[in-house]
């Protein structure tokens, strides 16, 4: 059996694993049922099905079992050694051991979860969800939606409990998502979005009231856009200036299909007044690829993936508000190779729709 088969099952069900060559089995140490090598720990050793394996493998498995390690064979035991000798005694030993299981590939995830061998447990299947768990002074989790199209929405049950905080690394902001210790994260990731959560035994800050805010209105900004282009290798010189009545793909066939660089958008909107107890967000909709927003000449943030939503509460004013958005695309449009003619290139720029959203905060 190709090791990619169990690896795919483990990846798509968010169970962390390492791939260990047979030669390294002799370096595994076992303590309280956990195997360890070079600082990496594991609860179980999974053996993809193989008709034959070297004698050294069976010798090392016998030693690991004597120390209390857990072993899972997928589908069945081998039939003999690679050298052609019988392993009937070894199989008898496996049958008598409480630490050896034989499971089908389809049952593997269920068995591991039953044994509580997991770091996180999504409420529903999320094949595009990837995560990284970093243990420092606090427990830090990074979740990433690997899909270019599908949203990940699920509840994540952690194997620990604590005060949970979300951290925005781009803006260096931290906020609480619960007043009490918890072991569950309500996860919502847009395609290719990443989020970082910190789980702490201690309270780092007081909970926000943002979770209870109510969206009151979403107004599309449909005024004309002044657009200028700066190429990737000559940012300081403006290559072209034009106006768009409606947002569209800048590298489409009727505009600049080979352009690579920075696309600058300018427009404005009017607020009669800035209301109290109201938060304002600018939602850019669809963007390719990196977007930096300024409101009235002040930096609002940079986003590299969906959702392209910016908190502009502190930047808006009760009159004309000027928007400037810089979008940087990739070099794919400019440096096309022989394969490019056979695949669709991503669009470039701000595709919209751009909306101003207002949220009413609770009293």
Protein backbone atom coordinates (compact mmCIF):
# COMPACT_ATOMS: atom_id res chain seq x y z
CA UNK A 1 0.00 0.00 0.00
CA UNK A 2 1.29 3.46 -0.90
CA UNK A 3 1.84 5.44 2.30
CA UNK A 4 0.07 8.33 0.56
CA UNK A 5 -3.25 6.54 1.12
CA UNK A 6 -3.26 6.63 4.93
CA UNK A 7 -1.50 10.02 4.77
CA UNK A 8 -4.42 11.41 2.75
CA UNK A 9 -6.92 10.09 5.30
CA UNK A 10 -4.96 11.63 8.17
CA UNK A 11 -4.52 15.00 6.43
CA UNK A 12 -8.16 15.30 5.41
CA UNK A 13 -9.23 14.56 8.99
CA UNK A 14 -6.70 16.91 10.63
CA UNK A 15 -4.64 14.24 12.42
CA UNK A 16 -0.98 15.17 12.63
CA UNK A 17 1.59 12.57 11.63
CA UNK A 18 5.21 11.98 10.67
CA UNK A 19 6.57 9.50 8.13
CA UNK A 20 9.22 7.25 9.64
CA UNK A 21 11.60 5.05 7.63
CA UNK A 22 12.09 1.50 8.97
CA UNK A 23 15.76 2.33 9.67
CA UNK A 24 14.62 4.83 12.32
CA UNK A 25 12.50 2.39 14.33
CA UNK A 26 15.55 1.48 16.42
CA UNK A 27 15.81 5.11 17.55
CA UNK A 28 12.29 5.27 18.98
CA UNK A 29 12.03 5.47 22.75
CA UNK A 30 8.82 4.63 24.62
CA UNK A 31 7.59 6.25 27.84
CA UNK A 32 4.06 5.90 29.26
CA UNK A 33 2.89 4.48 25.94
CA UNK A 34 4.18 7.42 23.88
CA UNK A 35 6.91 6.95 21.29
CA UNK A 36 9.50 9.66 20.82
CA UNK A 37 12.28 10.43 18.36
CA UNK A 38 14.28 13.67 18.16
CA UNK A 39 11.75 15.51 20.33
CA UNK A 40 8.73 14.37 18.27
CA UNK A 41 6.12 12.31 20.11
CA UNK A 42 3.52 9.90 18.74
CA UNK A 43 0.71 7.84 20.29
CA UNK A 44 0.64 5.09 17.70
CA UNK A 45 2.71 3.58 14.88
CA UNK A 46 0.62 2.97 11.73
CA UNK A 47 1.82 0.33 9.27
CA UNK A 48 0.36 0.58 5.71
CA UNK A 49 -0.38 -2.87 4.34
CA UNK A 50 2.60 -4.76 2.94
CA UNK A 51 2.82 -8.45 2.05
CA UNK A 52 6.45 -8.56 3.14
CA UNK A 53 8.68 -6.45 5.36
CA UNK A 54 12.35 -6.91 6.42
CA UNK A 55 13.27 -9.00 9.46
CA UNK A 56 14.62 -5.88 11.14
CA UNK A 57 11.10 -4.44 11.12
CA UNK A 58 9.62 -7.37 13.06
CA UNK A 59 12.52 -7.31 15.52
CA UNK A 60 11.95 -3.63 16.24
CA UNK A 61 8.15 -4.01 16.52
CA UNK A 62 8.66 -6.80 19.08
CA UNK A 63 10.90 -4.50 21.11
CA UNK A 64 8.47 -1.56 20.89
CA UNK A 65 5.55 -3.72 22.03
CA UNK A 66 7.54 -4.96 25.02
CA UNK A 67 7.90 -1.30 26.07
CA UNK A 68 4.18 -0.54 25.75
CA UNK A 69 3.95 1.07 22.30
CA UNK A 70 0.71 0.91 20.26
CA UNK A 71 0.72 -0.44 16.70
CA UNK A 72 -1.96 -0.35 13.98
CA UNK A 73 -1.68 -2.53 10.86
CA UNK A 74 -3.86 -1.36 7.98
CA UNK A 75 -5.99 -4.09 6.31
CA UNK A 76 -3.94 -7.09 7.47
CA UNK A 77 -0.63 -8.41 8.79
CA UNK A 78 2.22 -9.17 6.36
CA UNK A 79 2.42 -12.79 5.20
CA UNK A 80 6.18 -13.25 5.71
CA UNK A 81 9.48 -11.38 5.86
CA UNK A 82 11.15 -9.85 2.80
CA UNK A 83 13.76 -12.57 3.21
CA UNK A 84 11.07 -15.26 2.82
CA UNK A 85 10.93 -16.55 6.40
CA UNK A 86 7.78 -17.23 8.42
CA UNK A 87 6.35 -14.66 10.84
CA UNK A 88 3.72 -16.91 12.43
CA UNK A 89 5.26 -16.44 15.90
CA UNK A 90 5.15 -12.67 15.47
CA UNK A 91 1.51 -12.74 14.37
CA UNK A 92 0.61 -14.92 17.38
CA UNK A 93 2.25 -12.28 19.55
CA UNK A 94 0.26 -9.52 17.84
CA UNK A 95 -3.02 -11.42 18.30
CA UNK A 96 -2.40 -11.70 22.04
CA UNK A 97 -1.36 -8.07 22.50
CA UNK A 98 -3.84 -5.39 23.59
CA UNK A 99 -1.62 -2.80 21.89
CA UNK A 100 -1.98 -4.13 18.33
CA UNK A 101 -4.97 -3.49 16.06
CA UNK A 102 -5.76 -4.42 12.48
CA UNK A 103 -8.15 -1.95 10.84
CA UNK A 104 -9.23 -1.18 7.31
CA UNK A 105 -8.16 2.08 5.71
CA UNK A 106 -11.78 3.26 5.85
CA UNK A 107 -11.94 2.56 9.62
CA UNK A 108 -8.62 4.18 10.47
CA UNK A 109 -9.93 7.63 11.41
CA UNK A 110 -12.80 6.23 13.50
CA UNK A 111 -10.40 4.00 15.44
CA UNK A 112 -7.95 6.85 16.09
CA UNK A 113 -10.72 9.14 17.32
CA UNK A 114 -12.13 6.40 19.53
CA UNK A 115 -8.67 6.09 21.08
CA UNK A 116 -8.64 9.93 21.42
CA UNK A 117 -5.59 10.13 19.18
CA UNK A 118 -6.18 13.58 17.73
CA UNK A 119 -5.20 17.15 18.44
CA UNK A 120 -8.35 18.82 17.10
CA UNK A 121 -11.76 17.36 16.28
CA UNK A 122 -13.88 19.15 13.64
CA UNK A 123 -17.64 18.71 14.01
CA UNK A 124 -18.01 17.85 10.31
CA UNK A 125 -15.65 16.61 7.61
CA UNK A 126 -13.39 19.40 6.32
CA UNK A 127 -10.98 17.92 3.74
CA UNK A 128 -9.56 21.36 2.86
CA UNK A 129 -8.79 22.39 6.43
CA UNK A 130 -5.15 22.41 7.54
CA UNK A 131 -3.81 23.42 10.93
CA UNK A 132 -0.61 23.96 12.85
CA UNK A 133 -0.33 23.66 16.63
CA UNK A 134 2.57 25.45 18.32
CA UNK A 135 3.25 24.94 22.02
CA UNK A 136 4.90 27.91 23.68
CA UNK A 137 3.94 29.69 26.90
CA UNK A 138 0.39 29.37 25.57
CA UNK A 139 -1.10 27.00 23.01
CA UNK A 140 -1.23 28.56 19.54
CA UNK A 141 -3.33 27.19 16.67
CA UNK A 142 -3.22 28.32 13.06
CA UNK A 143 -6.06 27.18 10.78
CA UNK A 144 -5.94 27.48 7.00
CA UNK A 145 -8.53 26.81 4.29
CA UNK A 146 -6.51 25.23 1.48
CA UNK A 147 -9.38 25.38 -1.01
CA UNK A 148 -9.45 28.19 -3.61
CA UNK A 149 -13.26 28.02 -3.76
CA UNK A 150 -14.85 26.40 -0.70
CA UNK A 151 -15.56 27.98 2.68
CA UNK A 152 -14.78 26.01 5.85
CA UNK A 153 -17.48 26.33 8.52
CA UNK A 154 -17.28 24.01 11.51
CA UNK A 155 -16.86 23.73 15.26
CA UNK A 156 -13.39 22.67 16.38
CA UNK A 157 -13.12 20.70 19.62
CA UNK A 158 -9.66 21.02 21.14
CA UNK A 159 -7.87 18.46 23.30
CA UNK A 160 -7.44 21.17 25.93
CA UNK A 161 -9.40 23.91 27.64
CA UNK A 162 -8.57 27.56 28.29
CA UNK A 163 -9.40 31.19 27.57
CA UNK A 164 -9.53 31.46 23.77
CA UNK A 165 -8.36 34.51 21.80
CA UNK A 166 -8.15 35.29 18.10
CA UNK A 167 -5.02 37.03 16.84
CA UNK A 168 -4.69 39.10 13.65
CA UNK A 169 -1.00 38.89 12.74
CA UNK A 170 -1.27 41.43 9.89
CA UNK A 171 -2.63 44.13 12.20
CA UNK A 172 -1.10 42.81 15.46
CA UNK A 173 -4.49 42.76 17.20
CA UNK A 174 -5.77 40.33 19.82
CA UNK A 175 -9.34 39.91 21.00
CA UNK A 176 -11.22 37.53 23.27
CA UNK A 177 -13.91 35.21 21.90
CA UNK A 178 -15.29 34.03 25.24
CA UNK A 179 -15.62 35.09 28.86
CA UNK A 180 -15.04 31.59 30.27
CA UNK A 181 -12.61 28.76 29.66
CA UNK A 182 -13.68 26.65 26.70
CA UNK A 183 -12.46 23.83 24.46
CA UNK A 184 -14.42 24.76 21.31
CA UNK A 185 -13.73 27.21 18.48
CA UNK A 186 -16.45 28.23 16.03
CA UNK A 187 -14.35 28.34 12.87
CA UNK A 188 -15.33 30.14 9.69
CA UNK A 189 -12.67 30.44 6.98
CA UNK A 190 -13.08 31.98 3.55
CA UNK A 191 -11.19 30.24 0.71
CA UNK A 192 -7.42 30.49 1.40
CA UNK A 193 -8.02 32.42 4.63
CA UNK A 194 -5.89 31.74 7.72
CA UNK A 195 -6.76 32.46 11.36
CA UNK A 196 -4.69 32.22 14.52
CA UNK A 197 -6.07 31.36 17.95
CA UNK A 198 -4.34 31.44 21.33
CA UNK A 199 -5.50 29.18 24.17
CA UNK A 200 -4.29 30.33 27.57
CA UNK A 201 -4.71 29.17 31.17
CA UNK A 202 -4.78 32.85 32.14
CA UNK A 203 -7.08 35.66 31.07
CA UNK A 204 -5.13 37.92 28.71
CA UNK A 205 -7.84 40.59 28.18
CA UNK A 206 -11.55 41.15 28.70
CA UNK A 207 -14.07 39.81 26.15
CA UNK A 208 -15.19 42.10 23.33
CA UNK A 209 -18.79 42.98 22.65
CA UNK A 210 -18.19 42.68 18.87
CA UNK A 211 -19.70 39.20 18.77
CA UNK A 212 -23.15 40.69 19.51
CA UNK A 213 -23.06 43.51 16.98
CA UNK A 214 -25.84 43.79 14.42
CA UNK A 215 -25.36 44.61 10.74
CA UNK A 216 -27.72 47.48 9.96
CA UNK A 217 -26.92 48.33 6.34
CA UNK A 218 -24.64 47.40 3.44
CA UNK A 219 -24.25 50.11 0.82
CA UNK A 220 -22.49 49.39 -2.47
CA UNK A 221 -19.91 51.96 -3.52
CA UNK A 222 -20.61 52.25 -7.23
CA UNK A 223 -19.08 55.63 -8.06
CA UNK A 224 -16.50 55.73 -10.89
CA UNK A 225 -12.96 54.58 -10.10
CA UNK A 226 -9.79 56.37 -11.18
CA UNK A 227 -7.26 53.67 -12.00
CA UNK A 228 -3.50 53.89 -12.50
CA UNK A 229 -0.96 51.15 -13.23
CA UNK A 230 2.62 50.79 -12.01
CA UNK A 231 4.61 47.86 -13.36
CA UNK A 232 6.37 45.37 -11.09
CA UNK A 233 9.86 46.52 -12.10
CA UNK A 234 9.11 50.26 -12.24
CA UNK A 235 6.75 51.15 -9.39
CA UNK A 236 7.57 54.86 -9.25
CA UNK A 237 6.45 55.53 -12.82
CA UNK A 238 2.77 55.49 -13.76
CA UNK A 239 2.26 53.34 -16.84
CA UNK A 240 -1.39 54.17 -17.58
CA UNK A 241 -4.30 56.17 -16.13
CA UNK A 242 -7.94 55.54 -16.98
CA UNK A 243 -11.43 55.52 -15.45
CA UNK A 244 -13.70 52.56 -14.80
CA UNK A 245 -17.44 52.96 -14.41
CA UNK A 246 -17.64 49.34 -13.36
CA UNK A 247 -14.94 47.18 -11.76
CA UNK A 248 -13.53 44.50 -14.04
CA UNK A 249 -10.51 42.27 -14.67
CA UNK A 250 -7.58 44.58 -15.47
CA UNK A 251 -5.69 41.83 -17.27
CA UNK A 252 -8.66 40.88 -19.44
CA UNK A 253 -8.11 40.77 -23.21
CA UNK A 254 -9.59 44.27 -23.78
CA UNK A 255 -7.40 46.03 -21.17
CA UNK A 256 -3.86 45.02 -20.13
CA UNK A 257 -3.55 41.20 -20.46
CA UNK A 258 0.24 41.13 -19.82
CA UNK A 259 0.31 43.63 -16.96
CA UNK A 260 2.04 42.67 -13.72
CA UNK A 261 2.46 45.11 -10.86
CA UNK A 262 0.37 47.48 -8.73
CA UNK A 263 -3.12 48.62 -9.68
CA UNK A 264 -4.17 51.79 -7.86
CA UNK A 265 -7.88 52.59 -7.41
CA UNK A 266 -9.31 55.87 -6.14
CA UNK A 267 -12.90 56.91 -5.47
CA UNK A 268 -14.99 58.45 -2.69
CA UNK A 269 -18.22 58.07 -0.76
CA UNK A 270 -20.24 60.39 1.46
CA UNK A 271 -21.32 59.90 5.07
CA UNK A 272 -23.78 62.46 6.36
CA UNK A 273 -22.51 61.81 9.87
CA UNK A 274 -20.42 59.31 11.80
CA UNK A 275 -22.83 57.59 14.17
CA UNK A 276 -22.03 56.63 17.75
CA UNK A 277 -22.13 52.94 18.74
CA UNK A 278 -21.62 52.06 15.08
CA UNK A 279 -18.68 50.29 13.45
CA UNK A 280 -17.88 50.75 9.76
CA UNK A 281 -16.30 48.13 7.52
CA UNK A 282 -15.15 48.25 3.92
CA UNK A 283 -15.73 44.95 2.12
CA UNK A 284 -13.85 44.76 -1.20
CA UNK A 285 -15.52 41.54 -2.34
CA UNK A 286 -13.37 39.63 -4.84
CA UNK A 287 -9.72 40.73 -5.19
CA UNK A 288 -6.65 39.32 -6.93
CA UNK A 289 -4.38 39.31 -5.05
CA UNK A 290 -2.94 41.57 -2.32
CA UNK A 291 -4.98 44.62 -1.27
CA UNK A 292 -3.87 47.63 0.79
CA UNK A 293 -6.55 50.17 1.76
CA UNK A 294 -6.26 53.82 2.83
CA UNK A 295 -9.19 55.98 3.94
CA UNK A 296 -8.71 59.75 3.90
CA UNK A 297 -4.98 59.24 3.54
CA UNK A 298 -4.71 56.92 6.58
CA UNK A 299 -3.70 53.27 6.40
CA UNK A 300 -6.59 50.83 7.03
CA UNK A 301 -4.71 47.56 6.55
CA UNK A 302 -3.43 44.95 4.11
CA UNK A 303 -5.05 41.62 3.21
CA UNK A 304 -3.46 38.79 1.25
CA UNK A 305 -6.50 36.48 1.04
CA UNK A 306 -10.25 36.43 1.53
CA UNK A 307 -12.17 37.95 3.18
CA UNK A 308 -10.98 41.39 2.04
CA UNK A 309 -12.76 43.24 4.86
CA UNK A 310 -11.26 46.28 6.63
CA UNK A 311 -12.35 48.00 9.84
CA UNK A 312 -12.47 51.72 8.96
CA UNK A 313 -14.42 52.96 12.01
CA UNK A 314 -11.60 55.20 13.22
CA UNK A 315 -10.90 56.62 9.74
CA UNK A 316 -14.26 57.74 8.36
CA UNK A 317 -15.58 61.28 8.70
CA UNK A 318 -18.98 62.92 8.38
CA UNK A 319 -18.48 64.24 4.86
CA UNK A 320 -16.64 63.11 1.73
CA UNK A 321 -14.41 60.10 2.39
CA UNK A 322 -11.62 59.28 -0.05
CA UNK A 323 -10.75 55.65 -0.73
CA UNK A 324 -7.44 54.50 -2.16
CA UNK A 325 -6.83 50.81 -2.80
CA UNK A 326 -3.61 49.29 -4.09
CA UNK A 327 -3.90 45.79 -5.53
CA UNK A 328 -0.81 43.78 -6.47
CA UNK A 329 -1.20 40.82 -8.82
CA UNK A 330 1.29 38.05 -9.58
CA UNK A 331 3.94 37.65 -12.29
CA UNK A 332 1.82 34.97 -13.99
CA UNK A 333 0.37 37.42 -16.51
CA UNK A 334 3.75 38.83 -17.51
CA UNK A 335 5.96 35.75 -17.46
CA UNK A 336 3.82 33.22 -19.28
CA UNK A 337 5.40 29.91 -20.23
CA UNK A 338 4.42 27.21 -22.72
CA UNK A 339 1.89 25.75 -20.29
CA UNK A 340 0.08 29.06 -19.80
CA UNK A 341 -1.78 28.69 -23.09
CA UNK A 342 -3.50 25.58 -21.73
CA UNK A 343 -4.78 26.96 -18.41
CA UNK A 344 -6.91 29.90 -17.39
CA UNK A 345 -4.93 32.67 -15.72
CA UNK A 346 -6.33 34.31 -12.63
CA UNK A 347 -7.90 37.73 -13.12
CA UNK A 348 -6.20 40.82 -11.67
CA UNK A 349 -7.28 43.74 -9.56
CA UNK A 350 -10.40 44.76 -7.72
CA UNK A 351 -13.44 42.86 -9.00
CA UNK A 352 -15.96 43.94 -6.32
CA UNK A 353 -18.58 44.48 -5.39
CA UNK A 354 -17.21 47.04 -2.90
CA UNK A 355 -19.52 47.66 0.05
CA UNK A 356 -19.61 49.95 3.07
CA UNK A 357 -21.09 47.98 5.96
CA UNK A 358 -22.45 49.43 9.21
CA UNK A 359 -22.74 47.44 12.42
CA UNK A 360 -24.68 48.56 15.48
CA UNK A 361 -22.91 47.71 18.74
CA UNK A 362 -24.87 46.59 21.79
CA UNK A 363 -25.40 49.12 24.59
